[in-house]
């Protein structure tokens, strides 16, 4: 979990929109798709590790993983949520 003060300062590096913590339902669907080998990051690499936490862009289309408590705000490491909603 990210402190609210920090979360309020974080924005999407691509469009500068606000980010919010991913809810349990999103993480569950994402991890099921990862386990089935159906998820790539936006850099084109397969995502093989379950996502424990993440930040979702305001429009709900992109998730930035949080690894060891650190948000990874790199476009190529982000995950398009359209892969699990489509």
PDB file of N, CA and C in Angstrom:
ATOM      1  N   UNK A   1       0.839  -1.177   0.000  1.00  0.00           N
ATOM      2  CA  UNK A   1       0.000   0.000   0.000  1.00  0.00           C
ATOM      3  C   UNK A   1       0.885   1.241   0.000  1.00  0.00           C
ATOM      4  N   UNK A   2       0.476   2.209  -0.802  1.00  0.00           N
ATOM      5  CA  UNK A   2       1.242   3.449  -0.939  1.00  0.00           C
ATOM      6  C   UNK A   2       0.614   4.518  -0.047  1.00  0.00           C
ATOM      7  N   UNK A   3       1.451   5.289   0.609  1.00  0.00           N
ATOM      8  CA  UNK A   3       0.948   6.377   1.438  1.00  0.00           C
ATOM      9  C   UNK A   3       0.151   7.358   0.576  1.00  0.00           C
ATOM     10  N   UNK A   4      -0.962   7.842   1.124  1.00  0.00           N
ATOM     11  CA  UNK A   4      -1.834   8.747   0.368  1.00  0.00           C
ATOM     12  C   UNK A   4      -1.085   9.980  -0.113  1.00  0.00           C
ATOM     13  N   UNK A   5      -0.213  10.511   0.703  1.00  0.00           N
ATOM     14  CA  UNK A   5       0.545  11.709   0.329  1.00  0.00           C
ATOM     15  C   UNK A   5       1.381  11.456  -0.931  1.00  0.00           C
ATOM     16  N   UNK A   6       2.039  10.298  -0.992  1.00  0.00           N
ATOM     17  CA  UNK A   6       2.824   9.940  -2.167  1.00  0.00           C
ATOM     18  C   UNK A   6       1.917   9.665  -3.356  1.00  0.00           C
ATOM     19  N   UNK A   7       0.850   8.924  -3.134  1.00  0.00           N
ATOM     20  CA  UNK A   7      -0.074   8.591  -4.206  1.00  0.00           C
ATOM     21  C   UNK A   7      -0.643   9.857  -4.854  1.00  0.00           C
ATOM     22  N   UNK A   8      -0.920  10.866  -4.057  1.00  0.00           N
ATOM     23  CA  UNK A   8      -1.454  12.119  -4.589  1.00  0.00           C
ATOM     24  C   UNK A   8      -0.465  12.826  -5.502  1.00  0.00           C
ATOM     25  N   UNK A   9       0.821  12.555  -5.368  1.00  0.00           N
ATOM     26  CA  UNK A   9       1.849  13.188  -6.194  1.00  0.00           C
ATOM     27  C   UNK A   9       2.148  12.404  -7.468  1.00  0.00           C
ATOM     28  N   UNK A  10       1.832  11.115  -7.484  1.00  0.00           N
ATOM     29  CA  UNK A  10       2.177  10.275  -8.630  1.00  0.00           C
ATOM     30  C   UNK A  10       1.185  10.466  -9.773  1.00  0.00           C
ATOM     31  N   UNK A  11       1.721  10.520 -10.987  1.00  0.00           N
ATOM     32  CA  UNK A  11       0.890  10.632 -12.183  1.00  0.00           C
ATOM     33  C   UNK A  11       1.432   9.683 -13.244  1.00  0.00           C
ATOM     34  N   UNK A  12       0.596   9.391 -14.218  1.00  0.00           N
ATOM     35  CA  UNK A  12       1.022   8.562 -15.343  1.00  0.00           C
ATOM     36  C   UNK A  12       2.132   9.304 -16.097  1.00  0.00           C
ATOM     37  N   UNK A  13       3.244   8.631 -16.369  1.00  0.00           N
ATOM     38  CA  UNK A  13       4.332   9.296 -17.073  1.00  0.00           C
ATOM     39  C   UNK A  13       4.008   9.626 -18.532  1.00  0.00           C
ATOM     40  N   UNK A  14       2.981   9.000 -19.086  1.00  0.00           N
ATOM     41  CA  UNK A  14       2.632   9.238 -20.489  1.00  0.00           C
ATOM     42  C   UNK A  14       1.677  10.411 -20.661  1.00  0.00           C
ATOM     43  N   UNK A  15       0.578  10.413 -19.906  1.00  0.00           N
ATOM     44  CA  UNK A  15      -0.420  11.465 -20.124  1.00  0.00           C
ATOM     45  C   UNK A  15      -0.643  12.368 -18.909  1.00  0.00           C
ATOM     46  N   UNK A  16       0.133  12.140 -17.844  1.00  0.00           N
ATOM     47  CA  UNK A  16       0.100  12.953 -16.631  1.00  0.00           C
ATOM     48  C   UNK A  16      -1.222  12.870 -15.874  1.00  0.00           C
ATOM     49  N   UNK A  17      -2.021  11.850 -16.146  1.00  0.00           N
ATOM     50  CA  UNK A  17      -3.289  11.689 -15.429  1.00  0.00           C
ATOM     51  C   UNK A  17      -3.035  11.038 -14.065  1.00  0.00           C
ATOM     52  N   UNK A  18      -3.956  11.225 -13.125  1.00  0.00           N
ATOM     53  CA  UNK A  18      -3.785  10.651 -11.789  1.00  0.00           C
ATOM     54  C   UNK A  18      -3.770   9.120 -11.820  1.00  0.00           C
ATOM     55  N   UNK A  19      -3.131   8.555 -10.811  1.00  0.00           N
ATOM     56  CA  UNK A  19      -3.077   7.109 -10.634  1.00  0.00           C
ATOM     57  C   UNK A  19      -3.767   6.740  -9.327  1.00  0.00           C
ATOM     58  N   UNK A  20      -4.346   5.558  -9.306  1.00  0.00           N
ATOM     59  CA  UNK A  20      -4.950   5.050  -8.072  1.00  0.00           C
ATOM     60  C   UNK A  20      -4.526   3.603  -7.899  1.00  0.00           C
ATOM     61  N   UNK A  21      -4.621   3.107  -6.673  1.00  0.00           N
ATOM     62  CA  UNK A  21      -4.225   1.726  -6.423  1.00  0.00           C
ATOM     63  C   UNK A  21      -5.206   0.760  -7.082  1.00  0.00           C
ATOM     64  N   UNK A  22      -4.673  -0.299  -7.652  1.00  0.00           N
ATOM     65  CA  UNK A  22      -5.505  -1.320  -8.291  1.00  0.00           C
ATOM     66  C   UNK A  22      -6.329  -2.039  -7.235  1.00  0.00           C
ATOM     67  N   UNK A  23      -7.583  -2.304  -7.558  1.00  0.00           N
ATOM     68  CA  UNK A  23      -8.441  -3.020  -6.616  1.00  0.00           C
ATOM     69  C   UNK A  23      -8.205  -4.523  -6.716  1.00  0.00           C
ATOM     70  N   UNK A  24      -8.688  -5.237  -5.726  1.00  0.00           N
ATOM     71  CA  UNK A  24      -8.462  -6.692  -5.652  1.00  0.00           C
ATOM     72  C   UNK A  24      -9.021  -7.422  -6.866  1.00  0.00           C
ATOM     73  N   UNK A  25     -10.180  -6.993  -7.370  1.00  0.00           N
ATOM     74  CA  UNK A  25     -10.776  -7.647  -8.528  1.00  0.00           C
ATOM     75  C   UNK A  25      -9.903  -7.535  -9.764  1.00  0.00           C
ATOM     76  N   UNK A  26      -9.352  -6.359  -9.985  1.00  0.00           N
ATOM     77  CA  UNK A  26      -8.461  -6.150 -11.127  1.00  0.00           C
ATOM     78  C   UNK A  26      -7.218  -7.013 -10.999  1.00  0.00           C
ATOM     79  N   UNK A  27      -6.619  -7.021  -9.814  1.00  0.00           N
ATOM     80  CA  UNK A  27      -5.417  -7.833  -9.597  1.00  0.00           C
ATOM     81  C   UNK A  27      -5.716  -9.318  -9.776  1.00  0.00           C
ATOM     82  N   UNK A  28      -6.870  -9.757  -9.318  1.00  0.00           N
ATOM     83  CA  UNK A  28      -7.252 -11.177  -9.452  1.00  0.00           C
ATOM     84  C   UNK A  28      -7.381 -11.562 -10.929  1.00  0.00           C
ATOM     85  N   UNK A  29      -8.101 -10.749 -11.699  1.00  0.00           N
ATOM     86  CA  UNK A  29      -8.269 -11.034 -13.135  1.00  0.00           C
ATOM     87  C   UNK A  29      -6.928 -10.989 -13.856  1.00  0.00           C
ATOM     88  N   UNK A  30      -6.111 -10.003 -13.521  1.00  0.00           N
ATOM     89  CA  UNK A  30      -4.805  -9.878 -14.150  1.00  0.00           C
ATOM     90  C   UNK A  30      -3.933 -11.092 -13.844  1.00  0.00           C
ATOM     91  N   UNK A  31      -3.901 -11.506 -12.582  1.00  0.00           N
ATOM     92  CA  UNK A  31      -3.056 -12.644 -12.206  1.00  0.00           C
ATOM     93  C   UNK A  31      -3.558 -13.957 -12.791  1.00  0.00           C
ATOM     94  N   UNK A  32      -4.846 -14.091 -12.981  1.00  0.00           N
ATOM     95  CA  UNK A  32      -5.369 -15.285 -13.655  1.00  0.00           C
ATOM     96  C   UNK A  32      -4.895 -15.316 -15.104  1.00  0.00           C
ATOM     97  N   UNK A  33      -4.911 -14.157 -15.766  1.00  0.00           N
ATOM     98  CA  UNK A  33      -4.443 -14.080 -17.152  1.00  0.00           C
ATOM     99  C   UNK A  33      -2.930 -14.303 -17.225  1.00  0.00           C
ATOM    100  N   UNK A  34      -2.183 -13.795 -16.243  1.00  0.00           N
ATOM    101  CA  UNK A  34      -0.736 -14.028 -16.207  1.00  0.00           C
ATOM    102  C   UNK A  34      -0.453 -15.517 -16.055  1.00  0.00           C
ATOM    103  N   UNK A  35      -1.162 -16.179 -15.154  1.00  0.00           N
ATOM    104  CA  UNK A  35      -0.976 -17.618 -14.937  1.00  0.00           C
ATOM    105  C   UNK A  35      -1.282 -18.423 -16.195  1.00  0.00           C
ATOM    106  N   UNK A  36      -2.208 -17.911 -17.015  1.00  0.00           N
ATOM    107  CA  UNK A  36      -2.562 -18.592 -18.258  1.00  0.00           C
ATOM    108  C   UNK A  36      -1.624 -18.216 -19.408  1.00  0.00           C
ATOM    109  N   UNK A  37      -0.634 -17.362 -19.135  1.00  0.00           N
ATOM    110  CA  UNK A  37       0.330 -16.975 -20.165  1.00  0.00           C
ATOM    111  C   UNK A  37      -0.218 -16.008 -21.190  1.00  0.00           C
ATOM    112  N   UNK A  38      -1.211 -15.207 -20.811  1.00  0.00           N
ATOM    113  CA  UNK A  38      -1.899 -14.340 -21.763  1.00  0.00           C
ATOM    114  C   UNK A  38      -1.552 -12.863 -21.640  1.00  0.00           C
ATOM    115  N   UNK A  39      -0.538 -12.511 -20.855  1.00  0.00           N
ATOM    116  CA  UNK A  39      -0.261 -11.097 -20.598  1.00  0.00           C
ATOM    117  C   UNK A  39       1.162 -10.732 -20.996  1.00  0.00           C
ATOM    118  N   UNK A  40       1.266  -9.622 -21.732  1.00  0.00           N
ATOM    119  CA  UNK A  40       2.552  -9.028 -22.058  1.00  0.00           C
ATOM    120  C   UNK A  40       2.565  -7.611 -21.502  1.00  0.00           C
ATOM    121  N   UNK A  41       3.764  -7.132 -21.150  1.00  0.00           N
ATOM    122  CA  UNK A  41       3.842  -5.725 -20.786  1.00  0.00           C
ATOM    123  C   UNK A  41       3.823  -4.907 -22.076  1.00  0.00           C
ATOM    124  N   UNK A  42       3.754  -3.613 -21.940  1.00  0.00           N
ATOM    125  CA  UNK A  42       3.637  -2.772 -23.129  1.00  0.00           C
ATOM    126  C   UNK A  42       4.936  -2.688 -23.912  1.00  0.00           C
ATOM    127  N   UNK A  43       6.004  -3.244 -23.385  1.00  0.00           N
ATOM    128  CA  UNK A  43       7.261  -3.372 -24.109  1.00  0.00           C
ATOM    129  C   UNK A  43       7.316  -4.647 -24.938  1.00  0.00           C
ATOM    130  N   UNK A  44       6.251  -5.474 -24.843  1.00  0.00           N
ATOM    131  CA  UNK A  44       6.177  -6.708 -25.628  1.00  0.00           C
ATOM    132  C   UNK A  44       6.729  -7.947 -24.948  1.00  0.00           C
ATOM    133  N   UNK A  45       7.140  -7.823 -23.679  1.00  0.00           N
ATOM    134  CA  UNK A  45       7.692  -8.969 -22.955  1.00  0.00           C
ATOM    135  C   UNK A  45       6.595  -9.684 -22.170  1.00  0.00           C
ATOM    136  N   UNK A  46       6.620 -11.010 -22.128  1.00  0.00           N
ATOM    137  CA  UNK A  46       5.612 -11.725 -21.342  1.00  0.00           C
ATOM    138  C   UNK A  46       5.751 -11.402 -19.853  1.00  0.00           C
ATOM    139  N   UNK A  47       4.624 -11.253 -19.192  1.00  0.00           N
ATOM    140  CA  UNK A  47       4.615 -11.048 -17.738  1.00  0.00           C
ATOM    141  C   UNK A  47       4.452 -12.432 -17.128  1.00  0.00           C
ATOM    142  N   UNK A  48       5.433 -12.855 -16.340  1.00  0.00           N
ATOM    143  CA  UNK A  48       5.421 -14.201 -15.788  1.00  0.00           C
ATOM    144  C   UNK A  48       5.196 -14.231 -14.292  1.00  0.00           C
ATOM    145  N   UNK A  49       5.460 -13.117 -13.611  1.00  0.00           N
ATOM    146  CA  UNK A  49       5.296 -13.037 -12.160  1.00  0.00           C
ATOM    147  C   UNK A  49       3.946 -12.409 -11.831  1.00  0.00           C
ATOM    148  N   UNK A  50       3.279 -12.940 -10.819  1.00  0.00           N
ATOM    149  CA  UNK A  50       2.018 -12.365 -10.364  1.00  0.00           C
ATOM    150  C   UNK A  50       2.247 -10.925  -9.905  1.00  0.00           C
ATOM    151  N   UNK A  51       1.260 -10.092 -10.113  1.00  0.00           N
ATOM    152  CA  UNK A  51       1.319  -8.696  -9.692  1.00  0.00           C
ATOM    153  C   UNK A  51       0.634  -8.593  -8.335  1.00  0.00           C
ATOM    154  N   UNK A  52       1.392  -8.215  -7.321  1.00  0.00           N
ATOM    155  CA  UNK A  52       0.875  -8.119  -5.959  1.00  0.00           C
ATOM    156  C   UNK A  52       0.142  -6.803  -5.740  1.00  0.00           C
ATOM    157  N   UNK A  53       0.641  -5.738  -6.378  1.00  0.00           N
ATOM    158  CA  UNK A  53       0.033  -4.415  -6.251  1.00  0.00           C
ATOM    159  C   UNK A  53       0.351  -3.623  -7.505  1.00  0.00           C
ATOM    160  N   UNK A  54      -0.455  -2.619  -7.770  1.00  0.00           N
ATOM    161  CA  UNK A  54      -0.217  -1.795  -8.946  1.00  0.00           C
ATOM    162  C   UNK A  54      -0.985  -0.495  -8.868  1.00  0.00           C
ATOM    163  N   UNK A  55      -0.604   0.406  -9.749  1.00  0.00           N
ATOM    164  CA  UNK A  55      -1.280   1.688  -9.873  1.00  0.00           C
ATOM    165  C   UNK A  55      -1.964   1.734 -11.232  1.00  0.00           C
ATOM    166  N   UNK A  56      -3.222   2.143 -11.236  1.00  0.00           N
ATOM    167  CA  UNK A  56      -4.014   2.173 -12.457  1.00  0.00           C
ATOM    168  C   UNK A  56      -4.221   3.618 -12.896  1.00  0.00           C
ATOM    169  N   UNK A  57      -4.018   3.843 -14.177  1.00  0.00           N
ATOM    170  CA  UNK A  57      -4.239   5.168 -14.749  1.00  0.00           C
ATOM    171  C   UNK A  57      -5.717   5.533 -14.651  1.00  0.00           C
ATOM    172  N   UNK A  58      -6.000   6.798 -14.576  1.00  0.00           N
ATOM    173  CA  UNK A  58      -7.355   7.302 -14.381  1.00  0.00           C
ATOM    174  C   UNK A  58      -8.377   6.719 -15.366  1.00  0.00           C
ATOM    175  N   UNK A  59      -7.962   6.486 -16.617  1.00  0.00           N
ATOM    176  CA  UNK A  59      -8.899   5.943 -17.600  1.00  0.00           C
ATOM    177  C   UNK A  59      -9.083   4.431 -17.479  1.00  0.00           C
ATOM    178  N   UNK A  60      -8.337   3.793 -16.558  1.00  0.00           N
ATOM    179  CA  UNK A  60      -8.506   2.368 -16.290  1.00  0.00           C
ATOM    180  C   UNK A  60      -7.903   1.437 -17.320  1.00  0.00           C
ATOM    181  N   UNK A  61      -7.077   1.949 -18.218  1.00  0.00           N
ATOM    182  CA  UNK A  61      -6.555   1.108 -19.297  1.00  0.00           C
ATOM    183  C   UNK A  61      -5.138   0.598 -19.079  1.00  0.00           C
ATOM    184  N   UNK A  62      -4.405   1.188 -18.130  1.00  0.00           N
ATOM    185  CA  UNK A  62      -2.994   0.844 -17.943  1.00  0.00           C
ATOM    186  C   UNK A  62      -2.710   0.651 -16.459  1.00  0.00           C
ATOM    187  N   UNK A  63      -1.929  -0.386 -16.153  1.00  0.00           N
ATOM    188  CA  UNK A  63      -1.499  -0.647 -14.787  1.00  0.00           C
ATOM    189  C   UNK A  63       0.022  -0.584 -14.733  1.00  0.00           C
ATOM    190  N   UNK A  64       0.525   0.151 -13.752  1.00  0.00           N
ATOM    191  CA  UNK A  64       1.956   0.200 -13.467  1.00  0.00           C
ATOM    192  C   UNK A  64       2.191  -0.668 -12.236  1.00  0.00           C
ATOM    193  N   UNK A  65       3.008  -1.715 -12.356  1.00  0.00           N
ATOM    194  CA  UNK A  65       3.208  -2.608 -11.207  1.00  0.00           C
ATOM    195  C   UNK A  65       3.968  -1.921 -10.073  1.00  0.00           C
ATOM    196  N   UNK A  66       3.700  -2.371  -8.871  1.00  0.00           N
ATOM    197  CA  UNK A  66       4.462  -1.966  -7.694  1.00  0.00           C
ATOM    198  C   UNK A  66       5.271  -3.192  -7.281  1.00  0.00           C
ATOM    199  N   UNK A  67       6.587  -3.066  -7.323  1.00  0.00           N
ATOM    200  CA  UNK A  67       7.475  -4.189  -7.009  1.00  0.00           C
ATOM    201  C   UNK A  67       8.277  -3.838  -5.766  1.00  0.00           C
ATOM    202  N   UNK A  68       8.163  -4.675  -4.749  1.00  0.00           N
ATOM    203  CA  UNK A  68       8.849  -4.441  -3.475  1.00  0.00           C
ATOM    204  C   UNK A  68       8.544  -3.058  -2.919  1.00  0.00           C
ATOM    205  N   UNK A  69       7.296  -2.632  -3.075  1.00  0.00           N
ATOM    206  CA  UNK A  69       6.857  -1.351  -2.532  1.00  0.00           C
ATOM    207  C   UNK A  69       7.213  -0.142  -3.377  1.00  0.00           C
ATOM    208  N   UNK A  70       7.826  -0.361  -4.532  1.00  0.00           N
ATOM    209  CA  UNK A  70       8.254   0.744  -5.387  1.00  0.00           C
ATOM    210  C   UNK A  70       7.448   0.736  -6.688  1.00  0.00           C
ATOM    211  N   UNK A  71       6.722   1.824  -6.989  1.00  0.00           N
ATOM    212  CA  UNK A  71       5.992   1.903  -8.254  1.00  0.00           C
ATOM    213  C   UNK A  71       6.972   1.950  -9.431  1.00  0.00           C
ATOM    214  N   UNK A  72       6.740   1.111 -10.418  1.00  0.00           N
ATOM    215  CA  UNK A  72       7.565   1.077 -11.622  1.00  0.00           C
ATOM    216  C   UNK A  72       6.818   1.881 -12.687  1.00  0.00           C
ATOM    217  N   UNK A  73       7.174   3.153 -12.797  1.00  0.00           N
ATOM    218  CA  UNK A  73       6.461   4.064 -13.692  1.00  0.00           C
ATOM    219  C   UNK A  73       7.185   4.211 -15.025  1.00  0.00           C
ATOM    220  N   UNK A  74       7.426   3.086 -15.667  1.00  0.00           N
ATOM    221  CA  UNK A  74       8.052   3.040 -16.984  1.00  0.00           C
ATOM    222  C   UNK A  74       7.027   2.512 -17.976  1.00  0.00           C
ATOM    223  N   UNK A  75       6.861   3.211 -19.096  1.00  0.00           N
ATOM    224  CA  UNK A  75       5.844   2.826 -20.077  1.00  0.00           C
ATOM    225  C   UNK A  75       6.011   1.385 -20.547  1.00  0.00           C
ATOM    226  N   UNK A  76       7.250   0.957 -20.823  1.00  0.00           N
ATOM    227  CA  UNK A  76       7.473  -0.402 -21.319  1.00  0.00           C
ATOM    228  C   UNK A  76       7.173  -1.480 -20.283  1.00  0.00           C
ATOM    229  N   UNK A  77       7.221  -1.137 -19.008  1.00  0.00           N
ATOM    230  CA  UNK A  77       6.943  -2.102 -17.938  1.00  0.00           C
ATOM    231  C   UNK A  77       5.469  -2.116 -17.536  1.00  0.00           C
ATOM    232  N   UNK A  78       4.709  -1.158 -18.040  1.00  0.00           N
ATOM    233  CA  UNK A  78       3.290  -1.100 -17.697  1.00  0.00           C
ATOM    234  C   UNK A  78       2.534  -2.204 -18.434  1.00  0.00           C
ATOM    235  N   UNK A  79       1.322  -2.456 -17.986  1.00  0.00           N
ATOM    236  CA  UNK A  79       0.510  -3.540 -18.539  1.00  0.00           C
ATOM    237  C   UNK A  79      -0.822  -2.948 -19.016  1.00  0.00           C
ATOM    238  N   UNK A  80      -1.149  -3.221 -20.256  1.00  0.00           N
ATOM    239  CA  UNK A  80      -2.437  -2.785 -20.785  1.00  0.00           C
ATOM    240  C   UNK A  80      -3.525  -3.675 -20.201  1.00  0.00           C
ATOM    241  N   UNK A  81      -4.479  -3.065 -19.518  1.00  0.00           N
ATOM    242  CA  UNK A  81      -5.560  -3.841 -18.915  1.00  0.00           C
ATOM    243  C   UNK A  81      -6.591  -4.283 -19.947  1.00  0.00           C
ATOM    244  N   UNK A  82      -6.477  -3.793 -21.150  1.00  0.00           N
ATOM    245  CA  UNK A  82      -7.365  -4.246 -22.221  1.00  0.00           C
ATOM    246  C   UNK A  82      -7.158  -5.727 -22.504  1.00  0.00           C
ATOM    247  N   UNK A  83      -5.992  -6.256 -22.138  1.00  0.00           N
ATOM    248  CA  UNK A  83      -5.709  -7.686 -22.326  1.00  0.00           C
ATOM    249  C   UNK A  83      -6.617  -8.552 -21.457  1.00  0.00           C
ATOM    250  N   UNK A  84      -7.050  -8.022 -20.322  1.00  0.00           N
ATOM    251  CA  UNK A  84      -7.892  -8.828 -19.439  1.00  0.00           C
ATOM    252  C   UNK A  84      -9.357  -8.438 -19.524  1.00  0.00           C
ATOM    253  N   UNK A  85      -9.627  -7.262 -20.081  1.00  0.00           N
ATOM    254  CA  UNK A  85     -11.015  -6.808 -20.184  1.00  0.00           C
ATOM    255  C   UNK A  85     -11.614  -7.120 -21.533  1.00  0.00           C
ATOM    256  N   UNK A  86     -10.750  -7.440 -22.485  1.00  0.00           N
ATOM    257  CA  UNK A  86     -11.222  -7.696 -23.844  1.00  0.00           C
ATOM    258  C   UNK A  86     -11.670  -9.091 -23.979  1.00  0.00           C
TER     259      UNK A  86
END
